[in-house]
Amino acid sequence: MFIQTEATPNPATLKFIPGRAVLDNGTMEFTSREAAARSPLAERLFGVPGVTGVFYGSDFVTVTKDDSDWQHLKPAILGVIMEYYMSGAPLLADGDKPEEAHAEEFFDAADTETVDTIKDLLETRIRPAVAGDGGDITFRGFKDGIVYLDMKGSCAGCPSSTATLKHGIQNLLKHFIPDVVEVRPM
């Protein structure tokens, strides 16, 4: 088995591509060892000293570290991922399903058409690019011309996430939707 690794815009996060499906649909993020208890793979990854976050996409796993050196962490992480895939163990304990958008969305009913357009642009133009960098972005709300988004995986805490939000996503949404005045993270 060959596991490809890719750098992400976040120097504290690496993207691991096992060449096999990770999640059938959706994404999952684990930010603590306790949260990782529902996934044997995430739990084992948190067992590697220095790992502070695990994120699953459709065909990749991103791992976030503390100030440890990738040179020492990467071989251990690769070993854990390889052992997991060779074991045939389920990704989630007890047949759990990935969480769907569990955060409540907020927007005025009068803005439904605008919100639908925002979600469509996020889904078709923005999420694929963000997934390419090992993360995900989801709509949280729209109020007074401000779009609120949730950034996960390598995008959360990334030094360039503010630039991505302000120059990339905000400019794109403002171009297509005149009602949008700003984009903010949640």
Foldseek 3Di string as FASTA:
>chain_A
DDWDWDAFLFNQKIKIFPVDFQAPDDKDKDQDLVSCVFFPLSNVLNVQPFWGMWMHDGGIIMTGGDPDDCVVSVVSNVVSVVVVVVVPDDGGPPPDHGDDPPAAADDDPVCVVLVVVLQVCQVPPNQVVLVVRFWGKDWRYADQQETEIEIGGSLVPRPCVVVCQAVPSQVVSCVVPVSHDGYYYD
